[in-house]
Amino acid sequence: MIRVFGLAALGAVLAIVAGALAPAWLVFTMTKAIAFGLVALGIVGLMRGGLVSFGQGLYYCAGAYVSGLLAARFGVSEAALLLLIGAVTGAAAAALVSPLIARYRGIFFAMLTMALSMVLYGVLAKATPIGGTDGFNVPRPSFGGWTPGPESADLALYVVAVVFAAVAAALCRLYYDSGPGLVALAARENELRVEYLGASVFTVTQRNFILAGGLAGLGGALNGMALGHVDPFFSYWTTSGEVVFIAILGGYASAVAVFGAALIVELVRSFSGQYFPESWQLFLGIFLLLVIIFLPRGFGSLWAKRATGAKGAGE
């Protein structure tokens, strides 16, 4: 545990230093990457159990809307509090539907999650009191009572985002390596055998789904603050699909690789908007195909192989 949190703290310090030296546009891009990386981290937990959700936009959107409304309508401005509220909202929403979702597998699981996400999109698009299809603006957050100016607000939010991401990655790493977390890997290979051994695949799926919902809500609240705006598109199926893309690139072998994958996607999106806006999806798709062919377990498998090799050499 000490080693995991120590590495997380070191990574956070390095990321904060890099952010302090980076230009403003890159800090904003890295903050968005962290937001999507948090959502993808939850999908990674589901992937470890052999499941993929195409409806994480529901919990991502729920976290963004609840935290955004509290900031815009009720004057709640503390960034850390709003992020926690977003995480709790996402986890609560996932807990409500998890008894239904956890009963399904494969394509039925994926399609049901996407359908629920699109239901929320339809409801919010017609909810004119909170902006309808246009959504609403989210005011700049404060940090411990301090409200920074426009030039330093993005960097302050980035620092908070790095801290939350480091804690989330460390906790997920500890959970994945724990007994309940390893049951998901066993269920991925043979659910029937896991049931015979006395573990409940249904319970494992529920737990991972709620965790994924909480991380999605956290990412939604963060991106809402970073963009200064939220709208129903947060719950649209293409938003969920982009996060699945990131999760596949990162793979389920590492809790950190998803953030690197998210940064790659955001950088490609940023540059493509300027240089080849009509074909950037093609290049990103080719890149994904290459990763699937040569690294079927994602970028994270590179770290996992090195760690396994180092352990074997030490023994």
Foldseek 3Di string as FASTA:
>chain_A
DCVLLVVLVVVLVVVLVVLVPDDPVLLLLLLLLLLLLLLLLLQLLVVLLVAGALFLLQLLQQLQVVLQCCCPPVVAFALVVSLQSLLVRQLVVLLVCLVVLLVDGDPVSHVVSLVVLVVLLVVQLPPPVQPRQQGDFGDAHAHPPHGDDPVCSSSVLSSVSSVVSSVLQSVVVVQCPDPLNVLSNVNSVPVVVSVVVPDDSSVSSSVSSSSSSSSSSSSSNSVSNSVRGHGSCSSHSVVSVVSNLLSQQQASLGSPSSSVSSSVVSVLCVVCVPPPVPCSVVVSVVVSVVCCVPPVRHPNVVVVVVVVVVVVVVD
